[in-house]
Amino acid sequence: MNSNGMNNTALILVILGAINWLLIGLFSFDLVGSILGGQLSVLARIVFVIVGIAGLWSINLLFKDKVPRHDHA
């Protein structure tokens, strides 16, 4: 998977994680935990770790060069 694919995947996971945190904050409802058998279930913890890694990966998007470079050889 190229870096654009990784960036898009990471952003999708971060957005889903943000929606889950929104639900927790507003309604004390953990959607991921509910679907996967509770917050402490192995599957839910794996998803939480994957979303966390996606968040860390997304840090690189803050520093990504927005202007295309034109290398002249």
PDB file of N, CA and C in Angstrom:
ATOM      1  N   MET A   1       0.857  -1.179   0.000  1.00  0.00           N
ATOM      2  CA  MET A   1       0.000   0.000   0.000  1.00  0.00           C
ATOM      3  C   MET A   1       0.898   1.237   0.000  1.00  0.00           C
ATOM      4  N   ASN A   2       0.614   2.175  -0.891  1.00  0.00           N
ATOM      5  CA  ASN A   2       1.426   3.385  -0.954  1.00  0.00           C
ATOM      6  C   ASN A   2       1.089   4.326   0.201  1.00  0.00           C
ATOM      7  N   SER A   3       1.880   5.394   0.329  1.00  0.00           N
ATOM      8  CA  SER A   3       1.678   6.291   1.469  1.00  0.00           C
ATOM      9  C   SER A   3       0.331   7.011   1.401  1.00  0.00           C
ATOM     10  N   ASN A   4      -0.178   7.304   0.190  1.00  0.00           N
ATOM     11  CA  ASN A   4      -1.513   7.911   0.097  1.00  0.00           C
ATOM     12  C   ASN A   4      -2.576   6.961   0.633  1.00  0.00           C
ATOM     13  N   GLY A   5      -2.451   5.692   0.310  1.00  0.00           N
ATOM     14  CA  GLY A   5      -3.391   4.701   0.828  1.00  0.00           C
ATOM     15  C   GLY A   5      -3.299   4.570   2.336  1.00  0.00           C
ATOM     16  N   MET A   6      -2.068   4.582   2.855  1.00  0.00           N
ATOM     17  CA  MET A   6      -1.883   4.517   4.308  1.00  0.00           C
ATOM     18  C   MET A   6      -2.450   5.766   4.978  1.00  0.00           C
ATOM     19  N   ASN A   7      -2.205   6.923   4.378  1.00  0.00           N
ATOM     20  CA  ASN A   7      -2.727   8.170   4.941  1.00  0.00           C
ATOM     21  C   ASN A   7      -4.247   8.157   4.971  1.00  0.00           C
ATOM     22  N   ASN A   8      -4.874   7.732   3.884  1.00  0.00           N
ATOM     23  CA  ASN A   8      -6.333   7.685   3.827  1.00  0.00           C
ATOM     24  C   ASN A   8      -6.897   6.682   4.821  1.00  0.00           C
ATOM     25  N   THR A   9      -6.274   5.514   4.919  1.00  0.00           N
ATOM     26  CA  THR A   9      -6.721   4.503   5.882  1.00  0.00           C
ATOM     27  C   THR A   9      -6.594   5.029   7.298  1.00  0.00           C
ATOM     28  N   ALA A  10      -5.466   5.663   7.592  1.00  0.00           N
ATOM     29  CA  ALA A  10      -5.251   6.217   8.927  1.00  0.00           C
ATOM     30  C   ALA A  10      -6.288   7.287   9.242  1.00  0.00           C
ATOM     31  N   LEU A  11      -6.562   8.158   8.277  1.00  0.00           N
ATOM     32  CA  LEU A  11      -7.557   9.213   8.518  1.00  0.00           C
ATOM     33  C   LEU A  11      -8.950   8.640   8.767  1.00  0.00           C
ATOM     34  N   ILE A  12      -9.312   7.621   8.023  1.00  0.00           N
ATOM     35  CA  ILE A  12     -10.617   6.989   8.233  1.00  0.00           C
ATOM     36  C   ILE A  12     -10.697   6.406   9.641  1.00  0.00           C
ATOM     37  N   LEU A  13      -9.635   5.713  10.068  1.00  0.00           N
ATOM     38  CA  LEU A  13      -9.627   5.127  11.414  1.00  0.00           C
ATOM     39  C   LEU A  13      -9.657   6.205  12.493  1.00  0.00           C
ATOM     40  N   VAL A  14      -8.935   7.302  12.276  1.00  0.00           N
ATOM     41  CA  VAL A  14      -8.931   8.394  13.250  1.00  0.00           C
ATOM     42  C   VAL A  14     -10.321   9.030  13.330  1.00  0.00           C
ATOM     43  N   ILE A  15     -10.977   9.194  12.202  1.00  0.00           N
ATOM     44  CA  ILE A  15     -12.328   9.761  12.195  1.00  0.00           C
ATOM     45  C   ILE A  15     -13.294   8.833  12.928  1.00  0.00           C
ATOM     46  N   LEU A  16     -13.194   7.532  12.667  1.00  0.00           N
ATOM     47  CA  LEU A  16     -14.055   6.582  13.385  1.00  0.00           C
ATOM     48  C   LEU A  16     -13.777   6.616  14.888  1.00  0.00           C
ATOM     49  N   GLY A  17     -12.510   6.723  15.240  1.00  0.00           N
ATOM     50  CA  GLY A  17     -12.158   6.840  16.658  1.00  0.00           C
ATOM     51  C   GLY A  17     -12.717   8.114  17.271  1.00  0.00           C
ATOM     52  N   ALA A  18     -12.672   9.202  16.513  1.00  0.00           N
ATOM     53  CA  ALA A  18     -13.221  10.468  17.015  1.00  0.00           C
ATOM     54  C   ALA A  18     -14.729  10.375  17.210  1.00  0.00           C
ATOM     55  N   ILE A  19     -15.402   9.705  16.295  1.00  0.00           N
ATOM     56  CA  ILE A  19     -16.852   9.516  16.444  1.00  0.00           C
ATOM     57  C   ILE A  19     -17.139   8.685  17.684  1.00  0.00           C
ATOM     58  N   ASN A  20     -16.333   7.651  17.917  1.00  0.00           N
ATOM     59  CA  ASN A  20     -16.520   6.830  19.112  1.00  0.00           C
ATOM     60  C   ASN A  20     -16.322   7.669  20.374  1.00  0.00           C
ATOM     61  N   TRP A  21     -15.289   8.524  20.398  1.00  0.00           N
ATOM     62  CA  TRP A  21     -15.069   9.393  21.558  1.00  0.00           C
ATOM     63  C   TRP A  21     -16.201  10.400  21.718  1.00  0.00           C
ATOM     64  N   LEU A  22     -16.746  10.890  20.612  1.00  0.00           N
ATOM     65  CA  LEU A  22     -17.898  11.789  20.688  1.00  0.00           C
ATOM     66  C   LEU A  22     -19.078  11.101  21.363  1.00  0.00           C
ATOM     67  N   LEU A  23     -19.333   9.861  20.959  1.00  0.00           N
ATOM     68  CA  LEU A  23     -20.431   9.098  21.567  1.00  0.00           C
ATOM     69  C   LEU A  23     -20.179   8.846  23.051  1.00  0.00           C
ATOM     70  N   ILE A  24     -18.933   8.569  23.404  1.00  0.00           N
ATOM     71  CA  ILE A  24     -18.590   8.365  24.816  1.00  0.00           C
ATOM     72  C   ILE A  24     -18.819   9.655  25.594  1.00  0.00           C
ATOM     73  N   GLY A  25     -18.357  10.776  25.032  1.00  0.00           N
ATOM     74  CA  GLY A  25     -18.490  12.057  25.722  1.00  0.00           C
ATOM     75  C   GLY A  25     -19.927  12.517  25.876  1.00  0.00           C
ATOM     76  N   LEU A  26     -20.727  12.337  24.840  1.00  0.00           N
ATOM     77  CA  LEU A  26     -22.105  12.829  24.883  1.00  0.00           C
ATOM     78  C   LEU A  26     -23.069  11.877  25.587  1.00  0.00           C
ATOM     79  N   PHE A  27     -22.888  10.578  25.349  1.00  0.00           N
ATOM     80  CA  PHE A  27     -23.894   9.610  25.798  1.00  0.00           C
ATOM     81  C   PHE A  27     -23.347   8.492  26.672  1.00  0.00           C
ATOM     82  N   SER A  28     -22.057   8.543  27.016  1.00  0.00           N
ATOM     83  CA  SER A  28     -21.403   7.457  27.763  1.00  0.00           C
ATOM     84  C   SER A  28     -21.621   6.117  27.067  1.00  0.00           C
ATOM     85  N   PHE A  29     -21.566   6.144  25.736  1.00  0.00           N
ATOM     86  CA  PHE A  29     -21.802   4.943  24.937  1.00  0.00           C
ATOM     87  C   PHE A  29     -20.572   4.656  24.083  1.00  0.00           C
ATOM     88  N   ASP A  30     -19.945   3.517  24.325  1.00  0.00           N
ATOM     89  CA  ASP A  30     -18.774   3.099  23.567  1.00  0.00           C
ATOM     90  C   ASP A  30     -19.231   2.151  22.460  1.00  0.00           C
ATOM     91  N   LEU A  31     -19.342   2.677  21.249  1.00  0.00           N
ATOM     92  CA  LEU A  31     -19.830   1.898  20.109  1.00  0.00           C
ATOM     93  C   LEU A  31     -18.904   0.725  19.810  1.00  0.00           C
ATOM     94  N   VAL A  32     -17.598   0.986  19.782  1.00  0.00           N
ATOM     95  CA  VAL A  32     -16.632  -0.085  19.488  1.00  0.00           C
ATOM     96  C   VAL A  32     -16.729  -1.184  20.532  1.00  0.00           C
ATOM     97  N   GLY A  33     -16.737  -0.795  21.787  1.00  0.00           N
ATOM     98  CA  GLY A  33     -16.865  -1.777  22.866  1.00  0.00           C
ATOM     99  C   GLY A  33     -18.172  -2.541  22.784  1.00  0.00           C
ATOM    100  N   SER A  34     -19.248  -1.847  22.452  1.00  0.00           N
ATOM    101  CA  SER A  34     -20.556  -2.503  22.350  1.00  0.00           C
ATOM    102  C   SER A  34     -20.588  -3.538  21.233  1.00  0.00           C
ATOM    103  N   ILE A  35     -20.000  -3.188  20.104  1.00  0.00           N
ATOM    104  CA  ILE A  35     -20.008  -4.105  18.965  1.00  0.00           C
ATOM    105  C   ILE A  35     -19.094  -5.299  19.209  1.00  0.00           C
ATOM    106  N   LEU A  36     -17.971  -5.049  19.889  1.00  0.00           N
ATOM    107  CA  LEU A  36     -16.936  -6.081  20.000  1.00  0.00           C
ATOM    108  C   LEU A  36     -16.871  -6.765  21.362  1.00  0.00           C
ATOM    109  N   GLY A  37     -17.915  -6.637  22.172  1.00  0.00           N
ATOM    110  CA  GLY A  37     -17.986  -7.412  23.410  1.00  0.00           C
ATOM    111  C   GLY A  37     -17.468  -6.721  24.652  1.00  0.00           C
ATOM    112  N   GLY A  38     -17.466  -5.414  24.669  1.00  0.00           N
ATOM    113  CA  GLY A  38     -17.029  -4.662  25.845  1.00  0.00           C
ATOM    114  C   GLY A  38     -15.653  -4.066  25.653  1.00  0.00           C
ATOM    115  N   GLN A  39     -15.385  -3.014  26.432  1.00  0.00           N
ATOM    116  CA  GLN A  39     -14.123  -2.297  26.298  1.00  0.00           C
ATOM    117  C   GLN A  39     -12.908  -3.171  26.578  1.00  0.00           C
ATOM    118  N   LEU A  40     -13.066  -4.161  27.411  1.00  0.00           N
ATOM    119  CA  LEU A  40     -11.921  -4.981  27.805  1.00  0.00           C
ATOM    120  C   LEU A  40     -11.782  -6.247  26.979  1.00  0.00           C
ATOM    121  N   SER A  41     -12.670  -6.455  26.001  1.00  0.00           N
ATOM    122  CA  SER A  41     -12.536  -7.650  25.172  1.00  0.00           C
ATOM    123  C   SER A  41     -11.295  -7.526  24.298  1.00  0.00           C
ATOM    124  N   VAL A  42     -10.743  -8.642  23.936  1.00  0.00           N
ATOM    125  CA  VAL A  42      -9.521  -8.658  23.132  1.00  0.00           C
ATOM    126  C   VAL A  42      -9.743  -7.941  21.803  1.00  0.00           C
ATOM    127  N   LEU A  43     -10.875  -8.204  21.147  1.00  0.00           N
ATOM    128  CA  LEU A  43     -11.143  -7.561  19.853  1.00  0.00           C
ATOM    129  C   LEU A  43     -11.246  -6.040  19.980  1.00  0.00           C
ATOM    130  N   ALA A  44     -11.946  -5.568  21.001  1.00  0.00           N
ATOM    131  CA  ALA A  44     -12.073  -4.119  21.194  1.00  0.00           C
ATOM    132  C   ALA A  44     -10.712  -3.506  21.464  1.00  0.00           C
ATOM    133  N   ARG A  45      -9.901  -4.153  22.268  1.00  0.00           N
ATOM    134  CA  ARG A  45      -8.568  -3.622  22.578  1.00  0.00           C
ATOM    135  C   ARG A  45      -7.697  -3.586  21.332  1.00  0.00           C
ATOM    136  N   ILE A  46      -7.820  -4.585  20.469  1.00  0.00           N
ATOM    137  CA  ILE A  46      -7.061  -4.586  19.210  1.00  0.00           C
ATOM    138  C   ILE A  46      -7.487  -3.397  18.349  1.00  0.00           C
ATOM    139  N   VAL A  47      -8.798  -3.163  18.262  1.00  0.00           N
ATOM    140  CA  VAL A  47      -9.288  -2.021  17.477  1.00  0.00           C
ATOM    141  C   VAL A  47      -8.785  -0.716  18.083  1.00  0.00           C
ATOM    142  N   PHE A  48      -8.823  -0.589  19.406  1.00  0.00           N
ATOM    143  CA  PHE A  48      -8.336   0.629  20.048  1.00  0.00           C
ATOM    144  C   PHE A  48      -6.858   0.853  19.749  1.00  0.00           C
ATOM    145  N   VAL A  49      -6.072  -0.203  19.754  1.00  0.00           N
ATOM    146  CA  VAL A  49      -4.641  -0.086  19.446  1.00  0.00           C
ATOM    147  C   VAL A  49      -4.447   0.326  17.985  1.00  0.00           C
ATOM    148  N   ILE A  50      -5.201  -0.290  17.078  1.00  0.00           N
ATOM    149  CA  ILE A  50      -5.079   0.055  15.656  1.00  0.00           C
ATOM    150  C   ILE A  50      -5.460   1.515  15.429  1.00  0.00           C
ATOM    151  N   VAL A  51      -6.522   1.984  16.074  1.00  0.00           N
ATOM    152  CA  VAL A  51      -6.930   3.386  15.938  1.00  0.00           C
ATOM    153  C   VAL A  51      -5.852   4.305  16.524  1.00  0.00           C
ATOM    154  N   GLY A  52      -5.263   3.905  17.629  1.00  0.00           N
ATOM    155  CA  GLY A  52      -4.180   4.694  18.220  1.00  0.00           C
ATOM    156  C   GLY A  52      -2.972   4.781  17.311  1.00  0.00           C
ATOM    157  N   ILE A  53      -2.606   3.665  16.695  1.00  0.00           N
ATOM    158  CA  ILE A  53      -1.491   3.666  15.741  1.00  0.00           C
ATOM    159  C   ILE A  53      -1.821   4.558  14.547  1.00  0.00           C
ATOM    160  N   ALA A  54      -3.075   4.499  14.100  1.00  0.00           N
ATOM    161  CA  ALA A  54      -3.495   5.366  12.987  1.00  0.00           C
ATOM    162  C   ALA A  54      -3.369   6.837  13.382  1.00  0.00           C
ATOM    163  N   GLY A  55      -3.694   7.148  14.623  1.00  0.00           N
ATOM    164  CA  GLY A  55      -3.532   8.523  15.103  1.00  0.00           C
ATOM    165  C   GLY A  55      -2.077   8.954  15.087  1.00  0.00           C
ATOM    166  N   LEU A  56      -1.194   8.062  15.526  1.00  0.00           N
ATOM    167  CA  LEU A  56       0.230   8.378  15.499  1.00  0.00           C
ATOM    168  C   LEU A  56       0.721   8.540  14.063  1.00  0.00           C
ATOM    169  N   TRP A  57       0.270   7.664  13.174  1.00  0.00           N
ATOM    170  CA  TRP A  57       0.645   7.764  11.757  1.00  0.00           C
ATOM    171  C   TRP A  57       0.201   9.109  11.188  1.00  0.00           C
ATOM    172  N   SER A  58      -0.973   9.570  11.608  1.00  0.00           N
ATOM    173  CA  SER A  58      -1.548  10.799  11.065  1.00  0.00           C
ATOM    174  C   SER A  58      -0.772  12.049  11.472  1.00  0.00           C
ATOM    175  N   ILE A  59       0.085  11.932  12.469  1.00  0.00           N
ATOM    176  CA  ILE A  59       0.917  13.082  12.848  1.00  0.00           C
ATOM    177  C   ILE A  59       1.734  13.549  11.658  1.00  0.00           C
ATOM    178  N   ASN A  60       2.178  12.605  10.825  1.00  0.00           N
ATOM    179  CA  ASN A  60       2.990  12.982   9.667  1.00  0.00           C
ATOM    180  C   ASN A  60       2.225  13.891   8.706  1.00  0.00           C
ATOM    181  N   LEU A  61       0.907  13.827   8.733  1.00  0.00           N
ATOM    182  CA  LEU A  61       0.114  14.682   7.838  1.00  0.00           C
ATOM    183  C   LEU A  61       0.213  16.157   8.226  1.00  0.00           C
ATOM    184  N   LEU A  62       0.520  16.432   9.491  1.00  0.00           N
ATOM    185  CA  LEU A  62       0.700  17.815   9.924  1.00  0.00           C
ATOM    186  C   LEU A  62       1.922  18.449   9.273  1.00  0.00           C
ATOM    187  N   PHE A  63       2.910  17.619   8.975  1.00  0.00           N
ATOM    188  CA  PHE A  63       4.175  18.124   8.462  1.00  0.00           C
ATOM    189  C   PHE A  63       4.365  17.834   6.984  1.00  0.00           C
ATOM    190  N   LYS A  64       3.367  17.246   6.364  1.00  0.00           N
ATOM    191  CA  LYS A  64       3.455  16.897   4.952  1.00  0.00           C
ATOM    192  C   LYS A  64       3.511  18.159   4.108  1.00  0.00           C
ATOM    193  N   ASP A  65       4.392  18.147   3.141  1.00  0.00           N
ATOM    194  CA  ASP A  65       4.553  19.282   2.238  1.00  0.00           C
ATOM    195  C   ASP A  65       3.312  19.401   1.361  1.00  0.00           C
ATOM    196  N   LYS A  66       2.625  20.515   1.468  1.00  0.00           N
ATOM    197  CA  LYS A  66       1.382  20.707   0.715  1.00  0.00           C
ATOM    198  C   LYS A  66       1.634  21.199  -0.715  1.00  0.00           C
ATOM    199  N   VAL A  67       2.789  21.767  -0.951  1.00  0.00           N
ATOM    200  CA  VAL A  67       3.109  22.300  -2.274  1.00  0.00           C
ATOM    201  C   VAL A  67       3.942  21.251  -3.010  1.00  0.00           C
ATOM    202  N   PRO A  68       3.514  20.848  -4.201  1.00  0.00           N
ATOM    203  CA  PRO A  68       4.286  19.855  -4.936  1.00  0.00           C
ATOM    204  C   PRO A  68       5.670  20.397  -5.308  1.00  0.00           C
ATOM    205  N   ARG A  69       6.652  19.532  -5.160  1.00  0.00           N
ATOM    206  CA  ARG A  69       8.020  19.918  -5.509  1.00  0.00           C
ATOM    207  C   ARG A  69       8.283  19.585  -6.951  1.00  0.00           C
ATOM    208  N   HIS A  70       9.060  20.440  -7.585  1.00  0.00           N
ATOM    209  CA  HIS A  70       9.476  20.194  -8.965  1.00  0.00           C
ATOM    210  C   HIS A  70      10.982  20.065  -8.957  1.00  0.00           C
ATOM    211  N   ASP A  71      11.445  18.839  -8.924  1.00  0.00           N
ATOM    212  CA  ASP A  71      12.885  18.596  -8.945  1.00  0.00           C
ATOM    213  C   ASP A  71      13.376  18.654 -10.380  1.00  0.00           C
ATOM    214  N   HIS A  72      14.338  19.482 -10.602  1.00  0.00           N
ATOM    215  CA  HIS A  72      14.924  19.608 -11.927  1.00  0.00           C
ATOM    216  C   HIS A  72      16.280  18.928 -11.933  1.00  0.00           C
ATOM    217  N   ALA A  73      16.431  17.964 -12.794  1.00  0.00           N
ATOM    218  CA  ALA A  73      17.706  17.257 -12.852  1.00  0.00           C
ATOM    219  C   ALA A  73      18.554  17.734 -13.997  1.00  0.00           C
TER     220      ALA A  73
END
